[in-house]
Amino acid sequence: CCKAALSNCTGSLTRPMDLYSEGCEALVVKKLQEIMMY
């Protein structure tokens, strides 16, 4: 869940700015729909 640019991220919820904020469900749906469109 840690942002790729950060090397000292521990995944702690006390530092939410270090984590990706967007959920995966919508992105997985979008990716699979793109594949089907191909």
PDB file of all heavy atoms in Angstrom:
ATOM      1  N   CYS A   1       0.826  -1.217   0.000  1.00  0.00           N
ATOM      2  CA  CYS A   1       0.000   0.000   0.000  1.00  0.00           C
ATOM      3  C   CYS A   1       0.859   1.264   0.000  1.00  0.00           C
ATOM      4  O   CYS A   1       0.346   2.363  -0.225  1.00  0.00           O
ATOM      5  CB  CYS A   1      -0.917   0.034   1.214  1.00  0.00           C
ATOM      6  SG  CYS A   1      -2.386  -1.022   1.078  1.00  0.00           S
ATOM      7  N   CYS A   2       2.148   1.105   0.278  1.00  0.00           N
ATOM      8  CA  CYS A   2       3.027   2.271   0.368  1.00  0.00           C
ATOM      9  C   CYS A   2       3.312   2.861  -1.009  1.00  0.00           C
ATOM     10  O   CYS A   2       3.489   2.120  -1.985  1.00  0.00           O
ATOM     11  CB  CYS A   2       4.357   1.873   1.018  1.00  0.00           C
ATOM     12  SG  CYS A   2       4.198   1.389   2.761  1.00  0.00           S
ATOM     13  N   LYS A   3       3.362   4.162  -1.079  1.00  0.00           N
ATOM     14  CA  LYS A   3       3.673   4.835  -2.336  1.00  0.00           C
ATOM     15  C   LYS A   3       5.083   4.455  -2.784  1.00  0.00           C
ATOM     16  O   LYS A   3       6.016   4.390  -1.965  1.00  0.00           O
ATOM     17  CB  LYS A   3       3.556   6.346  -2.167  1.00  0.00           C
ATOM     18  CG  LYS A   3       2.127   6.807  -1.896  1.00  0.00           C
ATOM     19  CD  LYS A   3       2.053   8.322  -1.706  1.00  0.00           C
ATOM     20  CE  LYS A   3       0.610   8.758  -1.447  1.00  0.00           C
ATOM     21  NZ  LYS A   3       0.512  10.221  -1.199  1.00  0.00           N
ATOM     22  N   ALA A   4       5.229   4.199  -4.068  1.00  0.00           N
ATOM     23  CA  ALA A   4       6.493   3.686  -4.607  1.00  0.00           C
ATOM     24  C   ALA A   4       7.659   4.624  -4.364  1.00  0.00           C
ATOM     25  O   ALA A   4       8.805   4.183  -4.228  1.00  0.00           O
ATOM     26  CB  ALA A   4       6.337   3.421  -6.106  1.00  0.00           C
ATOM     27  N   ALA A   5       7.411   5.919  -4.288  1.00  0.00           N
ATOM     28  CA  ALA A   5       8.488   6.898  -4.142  1.00  0.00           C
ATOM     29  C   ALA A   5       9.061   6.934  -2.736  1.00  0.00           C
ATOM     30  O   ALA A   5      10.136   7.506  -2.509  1.00  0.00           O
ATOM     31  CB  ALA A   5       7.985   8.289  -4.534  1.00  0.00           C
ATOM     32  N   LEU A   6       8.373   6.306  -1.780  1.00  0.00           N
ATOM     33  CA  LEU A   6       8.817   6.359  -0.382  1.00  0.00           C
ATOM     34  C   LEU A   6       9.588   5.087  -0.016  1.00  0.00           C
ATOM     35  O   LEU A   6       9.129   3.980  -0.259  1.00  0.00           O
ATOM     36  CB  LEU A   6       7.610   6.510   0.545  1.00  0.00           C
ATOM     37  CG  LEU A   6       6.743   7.759   0.307  1.00  0.00           C
ATOM     38  CD1 LEU A   6       5.526   7.734   1.218  1.00  0.00           C
ATOM     39  CD2 LEU A   6       7.559   9.028   0.554  1.00  0.00           C
ATOM     40  N   SER A   7      10.740   5.277   0.584  1.00  0.00           N
ATOM     41  CA  SER A   7      11.581   4.124   0.962  1.00  0.00           C
ATOM     42  C   SER A   7      11.462   3.764   2.438  1.00  0.00           C
ATOM     43  O   SER A   7      11.812   2.657   2.839  1.00  0.00           O
ATOM     44  CB  SER A   7      13.053   4.422   0.632  1.00  0.00           C
ATOM     45  OG  SER A   7      13.484   5.588   1.311  1.00  0.00           O
ATOM     46  N   ASN A   8      10.959   4.687   3.262  1.00  0.00           N
ATOM     47  CA  ASN A   8      10.884   4.442   4.700  1.00  0.00           C
ATOM     48  C   ASN A   8       9.456   4.203   5.178  1.00  0.00           C
ATOM     49  O   ASN A   8       9.157   4.305   6.362  1.00  0.00           O
ATOM     50  CB  ASN A   8      11.495   5.619   5.474  1.00  0.00           C
ATOM     51  CG  ASN A   8      10.782   6.936   5.158  1.00  0.00           C
ATOM     52  OD1 ASN A   8      10.036   7.007   4.179  1.00  0.00           O
ATOM     53  ND2 ASN A   8      11.013   7.949   5.987  1.00  0.00           N
ATOM     54  N   CYS A   9       8.549   3.867   4.261  1.00  0.00           N
ATOM     55  CA  CYS A   9       7.146   3.637   4.617  1.00  0.00           C
ATOM     56  C   CYS A   9       6.994   2.289   5.315  1.00  0.00           C
ATOM     57  O   CYS A   9       7.539   1.283   4.859  1.00  0.00           O
ATOM     58  CB  CYS A   9       6.275   3.703   3.371  1.00  0.00           C
ATOM     59  SG  CYS A   9       4.542   3.286   3.659  1.00  0.00           S
ATOM     60  N   THR A  10       6.256   2.268   6.425  1.00  0.00           N
ATOM     61  CA  THR A  10       6.021   1.032   7.180  1.00  0.00           C
ATOM     62  C   THR A  10       4.585   0.533   7.066  1.00  0.00           C
ATOM     63  O   THR A  10       4.245  -0.493   7.640  1.00  0.00           O
ATOM     64  CB  THR A  10       6.352   1.259   8.669  1.00  0.00           C
ATOM     65  OG1 THR A  10       5.495   2.290   9.189  1.00  0.00           O
ATOM     66  CG2 THR A  10       7.807   1.655   8.851  1.00  0.00           C
ATOM     67  N   GLY A  11       3.756   1.284   6.351  1.00  0.00           N
ATOM     68  CA  GLY A  11       2.352   0.909   6.214  1.00  0.00           C
ATOM     69  C   GLY A  11       1.492   1.335   7.379  1.00  0.00           C
ATOM     70  O   GLY A  11       0.313   0.969   7.454  1.00  0.00           O
ATOM     71  N   SER A  12       2.044   2.126   8.302  1.00  0.00           N
ATOM     72  CA  SER A  12       1.298   2.542   9.489  1.00  0.00           C
ATOM     73  C   SER A  12       0.136   3.466   9.121  1.00  0.00           C
ATOM     74  O   SER A  12       0.284   4.392   8.313  1.00  0.00           O
ATOM     75  CB  SER A  12       2.232   3.248  10.464  1.00  0.00           C
ATOM     76  OG  SER A  12       1.498   3.761  11.571  1.00  0.00           O
ATOM     77  N   LEU A  13      -1.014   3.214   9.747  1.00  0.00           N
ATOM     78  CA  LEU A  13      -2.185   4.052   9.503  1.00  0.00           C
ATOM     79  C   LEU A  13      -2.068   5.411  10.179  1.00  0.00           C
ATOM     80  O   LEU A  13      -2.904   6.291   9.954  1.00  0.00           O
ATOM     81  CB  LEU A  13      -3.450   3.337   9.995  1.00  0.00           C
ATOM     82  CG  LEU A  13      -3.884   2.117   9.169  1.00  0.00           C
ATOM     83  CD1 LEU A  13      -5.127   1.472   9.765  1.00  0.00           C
ATOM     84  CD2 LEU A  13      -4.158   2.514   7.725  1.00  0.00           C
ATOM     85  N   THR A  14      -1.033   5.573  10.991  1.00  0.00           N
ATOM     86  CA  THR A  14      -0.805   6.890  11.602  1.00  0.00           C
ATOM     87  C   THR A  14      -0.198   7.859  10.595  1.00  0.00           C
ATOM     88  O   THR A  14      -0.142   9.058  10.863  1.00  0.00           O
ATOM     89  CB  THR A  14       0.130   6.769  12.818  1.00  0.00           C
ATOM     90  OG1 THR A  14       1.380   6.201  12.406  1.00  0.00           O
ATOM     91  CG2 THR A  14      -0.499   5.886  13.893  1.00  0.00           C
ATOM     92  N   ARG A  15       0.276   7.335   9.464  1.00  0.00           N
ATOM     93  CA  ARG A  15       0.830   8.177   8.408  1.00  0.00           C
ATOM     94  C   ARG A  15       0.100   7.878   7.086  1.00  0.00           C
ATOM     95  O   ARG A  15       0.664   7.290   6.154  1.00  0.00           O
ATOM     96  CB  ARG A  15       2.334   7.929   8.244  1.00  0.00           C
ATOM     97  CG  ARG A  15       3.159   8.399   9.449  1.00  0.00           C
ATOM     98  CD  ARG A  15       4.642   8.179   9.204  1.00  0.00           C
ATOM     99  NE  ARG A  15       5.107   8.870   8.002  1.00  0.00           N
ATOM    100  CZ  ARG A  15       5.458  10.149   7.969  1.00  0.00           C
ATOM    101  NH1 ARG A  15       5.354  10.908   9.068  1.00  0.00           N
ATOM    102  NH2 ARG A  15       5.892  10.695   6.849  1.00  0.00           N
ATOM    103  N   PRO A  16      -1.167   8.253   7.006  1.00  0.00           N
ATOM    104  CA  PRO A  16      -1.957   7.939   5.807  1.00  0.00           C
ATOM    105  C   PRO A  16      -1.437   8.603   4.540  1.00  0.00           C
ATOM    106  O   PRO A  16      -1.719   8.125   3.438  1.00  0.00           O
ATOM    107  CB  PRO A  16      -3.357   8.457   6.161  1.00  0.00           C
ATOM    108  CG  PRO A  16      -3.132   9.476   7.226  1.00  0.00           C
ATOM    109  CD  PRO A  16      -1.953   8.984   8.010  1.00  0.00           C
ATOM    110  N   MET A  17      -0.664   9.679   4.703  1.00  0.00           N
ATOM    111  CA  MET A  17      -0.122  10.353   3.514  1.00  0.00           C
ATOM    112  C   MET A  17       0.920   9.498   2.793  1.00  0.00           C
ATOM    113  O   MET A  17       1.254   9.759   1.645  1.00  0.00           O
ATOM    114  CB  MET A  17       0.485  11.702   3.906  1.00  0.00           C
ATOM    115  CG  MET A  17       1.767  11.641   4.724  1.00  0.00           C
ATOM    116  SD  MET A  17       1.519  11.062   6.442  1.00  0.00           S
ATOM    117  CE  MET A  17       0.514  12.390   7.090  1.00  0.00           C
ATOM    118  N   ASP A  18       1.441   8.447   3.463  1.00  0.00           N
ATOM    119  CA  ASP A  18       2.416   7.546   2.837  1.00  0.00           C
ATOM    120  C   ASP A  18       1.750   6.448   2.004  1.00  0.00           C
ATOM    121  O   ASP A  18       2.433   5.700   1.310  1.00  0.00           O
ATOM    122  CB  ASP A  18       3.296   6.885   3.912  1.00  0.00           C
ATOM    123  CG  ASP A  18       4.197   7.878   4.620  1.00  0.00           C
ATOM    124  OD1 ASP A  18       4.302   9.019   4.146  1.00  0.00           O
ATOM    125  OD2 ASP A  18       4.793   7.500   5.644  1.00  0.00           O
ATOM    126  N   LEU A  19       0.430   6.338   2.122  1.00  0.00           N
ATOM    127  CA  LEU A  19      -0.298   5.236   1.501  1.00  0.00           C
ATOM    128  C   LEU A  19      -1.086   5.701   0.278  1.00  0.00           C
ATOM    129  O   LEU A  19      -1.461   6.871   0.172  1.00  0.00           O
ATOM    130  CB  LEU A  19      -1.268   4.613   2.520  1.00  0.00           C
ATOM    131  CG  LEU A  19      -0.693   4.244   3.888  1.00  0.00           C
ATOM    132  CD1 LEU A  19      -1.806   3.776   4.812  1.00  0.00           C
ATOM    133  CD2 LEU A  19       0.377   3.162   3.745  1.00  0.00           C
ATOM    134  N   TYR A  20      -1.329   4.753  -0.624  1.00  0.00           N
ATOM    135  CA  TYR A  20      -2.198   5.060  -1.757  1.00  0.00           C
ATOM    136  C   TYR A  20      -3.607   5.299  -1.225  1.00  0.00           C
ATOM    137  O   TYR A  20      -4.111   4.512  -0.413  1.00  0.00           O
ATOM    138  CB  TYR A  20      -2.208   3.905  -2.761  1.00  0.00           C
ATOM    139  CG  TYR A  20      -0.890   3.677  -3.451  1.00  0.00           C
ATOM    140  CD1 TYR A  20      -0.237   2.444  -3.375  1.00  0.00           C
ATOM    141  CD2 TYR A  20      -0.282   4.690  -4.184  1.00  0.00           C
ATOM    142  CE1 TYR A  20       0.972   2.231  -4.020  1.00  0.00           C
ATOM    143  CE2 TYR A  20       0.930   4.480  -4.833  1.00  0.00           C
ATOM    144  CZ  TYR A  20       1.554   3.252  -4.739  1.00  0.00           C
ATOM    145  OH  TYR A  20       2.755   3.052  -5.372  1.00  0.00           O
ATOM    146  N   SER A  21      -4.220   6.344  -1.678  1.00  0.00           N
ATOM    147  CA  SER A  21      -5.536   6.714  -1.150  1.00  0.00           C
ATOM    148  C   SER A  21      -6.694   6.074  -1.911  1.00  0.00           C
ATOM    149  O   SER A  21      -7.796   5.929  -1.385  1.00  0.00           O
ATOM    150  CB  SER A  21      -5.704   8.238  -1.181  1.00  0.00           C
ATOM    151  OG  SER A  21      -5.543   8.731  -2.503  1.00  0.00           O
ATOM    152  N   GLU A  22      -6.457   5.673  -3.157  1.00  0.00           N
ATOM    153  CA  GLU A  22      -7.538   5.133  -3.978  1.00  0.00           C
ATOM    154  C   GLU A  22      -7.723   3.643  -3.730  1.00  0.00           C
ATOM    155  O   GLU A  22      -6.755   2.900  -3.544  1.00  0.00           O
ATOM    156  CB  GLU A  22      -7.236   5.377  -5.460  1.00  0.00           C
ATOM    157  CG  GLU A  22      -8.424   5.155  -6.371  1.00  0.00           C
ATOM    158  CD  GLU A  22      -8.176   5.677  -7.768  1.00  0.00           C
ATOM    159  OE1 GLU A  22      -7.085   6.224  -8.027  1.00  0.00           O
ATOM    160  OE2 GLU A  22      -9.072   5.526  -8.614  1.00  0.00           O
ATOM    161  N   GLY A  23      -8.981   3.202  -3.704  1.00  0.00           N
ATOM    162  CA  GLY A  23      -9.284   1.786  -3.517  1.00  0.00           C
ATOM    163  C   GLY A  23      -9.023   0.976  -4.772  1.00  0.00           C
ATOM    164  O   GLY A  23      -9.011   1.511  -5.890  1.00  0.00           O
ATOM    165  N   CYS A  24      -8.860  -0.340  -4.604  1.00  0.00           N
ATOM    166  CA  CYS A  24      -8.486  -1.203  -5.732  1.00  0.00           C
ATOM    167  C   CYS A  24      -9.679  -1.706  -6.541  1.00  0.00           C
ATOM    168  O   CYS A  24      -9.531  -2.017  -7.718  1.00  0.00           O
ATOM    169  CB  CYS A  24      -7.696  -2.413  -5.218  1.00  0.00           C
ATOM    170  SG  CYS A  24      -6.073  -1.980  -4.543  1.00  0.00           S
ATOM    171  N   GLU A  25     -10.847  -1.789  -5.920  1.00  0.00           N
ATOM    172  CA  GLU A  25     -11.989  -2.380  -6.622  1.00  0.00           C
ATOM    173  C   GLU A  25     -12.305  -1.653  -7.926  1.00  0.00           C
ATOM    174  O   GLU A  25     -12.425  -2.275  -8.985  1.00  0.00           O
ATOM    175  CB  GLU A  25     -13.231  -2.373  -5.730  1.00  0.00           C
ATOM    176  CG  GLU A  25     -14.430  -3.022  -6.408  1.00  0.00           C
ATOM    177  CD  GLU A  25     -15.646  -3.078  -5.505  1.00  0.00           C
ATOM    178  OE1 GLU A  25     -15.588  -2.556  -4.372  1.00  0.00           O
ATOM    179  OE2 GLU A  25     -16.663  -3.640  -5.930  1.00  0.00           O
ATOM    180  N   ALA A  26     -12.418  -0.334  -7.861  1.00  0.00           N
ATOM    181  CA  ALA A  26     -12.760   0.445  -9.056  1.00  0.00           C
ATOM    182  C   ALA A  26     -11.683   0.310 -10.131  1.00  0.00           C
ATOM    183  O   ALA A  26     -11.991   0.221 -11.326  1.00  0.00           O
ATOM    184  CB  ALA A  26     -12.958   1.909  -8.690  1.00  0.00           C
ATOM    185  N   LEU A  27     -10.418   0.241  -9.714  1.00  0.00           N
ATOM    186  CA  LEU A  27      -9.317   0.146 -10.679  1.00  0.00           C
ATOM    187  C   LEU A  27      -9.241  -1.243 -11.314  1.00  0.00           C
ATOM    188  O   LEU A  27      -8.916  -1.367 -12.500  1.00  0.00           O
ATOM    189  CB  LEU A  27      -7.994   0.494  -9.984  1.00  0.00           C
ATOM    190  CG  LEU A  27      -7.873   1.933  -9.486  1.00  0.00           C
ATOM    191  CD1 LEU A  27      -6.535   2.149  -8.780  1.00  0.00           C
ATOM    192  CD2 LEU A  27      -8.012   2.920 -10.639  1.00  0.00           C
ATOM    193  N   VAL A  28      -9.529  -2.281 -10.524  1.00  0.00           N
ATOM    194  CA  VAL A  28      -9.544  -3.647 -11.074  1.00  0.00           C
ATOM    195  C   VAL A  28     -10.680  -3.774 -12.090  1.00  0.00           C
ATOM    196  O   VAL A  28     -10.496  -4.353 -13.172  1.00  0.00           O
ATOM    197  CB  VAL A  28      -9.715  -4.691  -9.940  1.00  0.00           C
ATOM    198  CG1 VAL A  28     -10.013  -6.070 -10.527  1.00  0.00           C
ATOM    199  CG2 VAL A  28      -8.448  -4.757  -9.096  1.00  0.00           C
ATOM    200  N   VAL A  29     -11.846  -3.236 -11.753  1.00  0.00           N
ATOM    201  CA  VAL A  29     -12.981  -3.254 -12.679  1.00  0.00           C
ATOM    202  C   VAL A  29     -12.615  -2.535 -13.973  1.00  0.00           C
ATOM    203  O   VAL A  29     -12.874  -3.038 -15.073  1.00  0.00           O
ATOM    204  CB  VAL A  29     -14.225  -2.596 -12.036  1.00  0.00           C
ATOM    205  CG1 VAL A  29     -15.314  -2.352 -13.089  1.00  0.00           C
ATOM    206  CG2 VAL A  29     -14.766  -3.462 -10.910  1.00  0.00           C
ATOM    207  N   LYS A  30     -12.010  -1.364 -13.838  1.00  0.00           N
ATOM    208  CA  LYS A  30     -11.617  -0.584 -15.013  1.00  0.00           C
ATOM    209  C   LYS A  30     -10.624  -1.355 -15.874  1.00  0.00           C
ATOM    210  O   LYS A  30     -10.737  -1.385 -17.118  1.00  0.00           O
ATOM    211  CB  LYS A  30     -11.001   0.743 -14.570  1.00  0.00           C
ATOM    212  CG  LYS A  30     -10.576   1.648 -15.722  1.00  0.00           C
ATOM    213  CD  LYS A  30      -9.960   2.937 -15.206  1.00  0.00           C
ATOM    214  CE  LYS A  30      -9.482   3.815 -16.360  1.00  0.00           C
ATOM    215  NZ  LYS A  30      -8.831   5.059 -15.868  1.00  0.00           N
ATOM    216  N   LYS A  31      -9.636  -2.014 -15.235  1.00  0.00           N
ATOM    217  CA  LYS A  31      -8.620  -2.768 -15.965  1.00  0.00           C
ATOM    218  C   LYS A  31      -9.243  -3.932 -16.724  1.00  0.00           C
ATOM    219  O   LYS A  31      -8.948  -4.162 -17.910  1.00  0.00           O
ATOM    220  CB  LYS A  31      -7.551  -3.276 -14.994  1.00  0.00           C
ATOM    221  CG  LYS A  31      -6.395  -3.998 -15.653  1.00  0.00           C
ATOM    222  CD  LYS A  31      -5.553  -3.058 -16.481  1.00  0.00           C
ATOM    223  CE  LYS A  31      -4.327  -3.744 -17.045  1.00  0.00           C
ATOM    224  NZ  LYS A  31      -3.505  -2.832 -17.862  1.00  0.00           N
ATOM    225  N   LEU A  32     -10.111  -4.689 -16.060  1.00  0.00           N
ATOM    226  CA  LEU A  32     -10.740  -5.844 -16.697  1.00  0.00           C
ATOM    227  C   LEU A  32     -11.659  -5.416 -17.836  1.00  0.00           C
ATOM    228  O   LEU A  32     -11.747  -6.092 -18.865  1.00  0.00           O
ATOM    229  CB  LEU A  32     -11.520  -6.649 -15.656  1.00  0.00           C
ATOM    230  CG  LEU A  32     -10.669  -7.405 -14.637  1.00  0.00           C
ATOM    231  CD1 LEU A  32     -11.545  -7.999 -13.542  1.00  0.00           C
ATOM    232  CD2 LEU A  32      -9.863  -8.508 -15.308  1.00  0.00           C
ATOM    233  N   GLN A  33     -12.342  -4.284 -17.664  1.00  0.00           N
ATOM    234  CA  GLN A  33     -13.200  -3.784 -18.743  1.00  0.00           C
ATOM    235  C   GLN A  33     -12.369  -3.316 -19.933  1.00  0.00           C
ATOM    236  O   GLN A  33     -12.777  -3.484 -21.084  1.00  0.00           O
ATOM    237  CB  GLN A  33     -14.081  -2.651 -18.222  1.00  0.00           C
ATOM    238  CG  GLN A  33     -15.190  -3.126 -17.297  1.00  0.00           C
ATOM    239  CD  GLN A  33     -16.058  -2.003 -16.783  1.00  0.00           C
ATOM    240  OE1 GLN A  33     -15.645  -0.838 -16.733  1.00  0.00           O
ATOM    241  NE2 GLN A  33     -17.270  -2.320 -16.373  1.00  0.00           N
ATOM    242  N   GLU A  34     -11.197  -2.746 -19.663  1.00  0.00           N
ATOM    243  CA  GLU A  34     -10.302  -2.351 -20.748  1.00  0.00           C
ATOM    244  C   GLU A  34      -9.832  -3.570 -21.535  1.00  0.00           C
ATOM    245  O   GLU A  34      -9.769  -3.546 -22.773  1.00  0.00           O
ATOM    246  CB  GLU A  34      -9.082  -1.604 -20.188  1.00  0.00           C
ATOM    247  CG  GLU A  34      -9.366  -0.179 -19.760  1.00  0.00           C
ATOM    248  CD  GLU A  34      -8.141   0.483 -19.155  1.00  0.00           C
ATOM    249  OE1 GLU A  34      -7.097  -0.195 -19.012  1.00  0.00           O
ATOM    250  OE2 GLU A  34      -8.230   1.679 -18.811  1.00  0.00           O
ATOM    251  N   ILE A  35      -9.507  -4.653 -20.812  1.00  0.00           N
ATOM    252  CA  ILE A  35      -9.071  -5.885 -21.468  1.00  0.00           C
ATOM    253  C   ILE A  35     -10.158  -6.410 -22.393  1.00  0.00           C
ATOM    254  O   ILE A  35      -9.902  -6.814 -23.537  1.00  0.00           O
ATOM    255  CB  ILE A  35      -8.702  -6.952 -20.415  1.00  0.00           C
ATOM    256  CG1 ILE A  35      -7.465  -6.518 -19.614  1.00  0.00           C
ATOM    257  CG2 ILE A  35      -8.449  -8.305 -21.071  1.00  0.00           C
ATOM    258  CD1 ILE A  35      -7.216  -7.373 -18.402  1.00  0.00           C
ATOM    259  N   MET A  36     -11.403  -6.399 -21.896  1.00  0.00           N
ATOM    260  CA  MET A  36     -12.509  -6.880 -22.703  1.00  0.00           C
ATOM    261  C   MET A  36     -12.735  -5.992 -23.929  1.00  0.00           C
ATOM    262  O   MET A  36     -13.111  -6.474 -25.003  1.00  0.00           O
ATOM    263  CB  MET A  36     -13.784  -6.948 -21.856  1.00  0.00           C
ATOM    264  CG  MET A  36     -14.851  -7.855 -22.420  1.00  0.00           C
ATOM    265  SD  MET A  36     -14.284  -9.556 -22.697  1.00  0.00           S
ATOM    266  CE  MET A  36     -13.904 -10.060 -21.033  1.00  0.00           C
ATOM    267  N   MET A  37     -12.480  -4.692 -23.771  1.00  0.00           N
ATOM    268  CA  MET A  37     -12.645  -3.784 -24.904  1.00  0.00           C
ATOM    269  C   MET A  37     -11.615  -4.063 -25.993  1.00  0.00           C
ATOM    270  O   MET A  37     -11.897  -3.880 -27.182  1.00  0.00           O
ATOM    271  CB  MET A  37     -12.527  -2.328 -24.439  1.00  0.00           C
ATOM    272  CG  MET A  37     -13.784  -1.784 -23.776  1.00  0.00           C
ATOM    273  SD  MET A  37     -15.282  -1.942 -24.789  1.00  0.00           S
ATOM    274  CE  MET A  37     -14.862  -0.941 -26.219  1.00  0.00           C
ATOM    275  N   TYR A  38     -10.400  -4.521 -25.614  1.00  0.00           N
ATOM    276  CA  TYR A  38      -9.400  -4.895 -26.607  1.00  0.00           C
ATOM    277  C   TYR A  38      -9.948  -5.999 -27.505  1.00  0.00           C
ATOM    278  O   TYR A  38      -9.773  -5.970 -28.729  1.00  0.00           O
ATOM    279  CB  TYR A  38      -8.114  -5.374 -25.930  1.00  0.00           C
ATOM    280  CG  TYR A  38      -7.351  -4.310 -25.181  1.00  0.00           C
ATOM    281  CD1 TYR A  38      -6.598  -4.624 -24.061  1.00  0.00           C
ATOM    282  CD2 TYR A  38      -7.378  -2.988 -25.591  1.00  0.00           C
ATOM    283  CE1 TYR A  38      -5.897  -3.647 -23.365  1.00  0.00           C
ATOM    284  CE2 TYR A  38      -6.684  -2.007 -24.905  1.00  0.00           C
ATOM    285  CZ  TYR A  38      -5.947  -2.344 -23.790  1.00  0.00           C
ATOM    286  OH  TYR A  38      -5.262  -1.375 -23.104  1.00  0.00           O
TER     287      TYR A  38
END
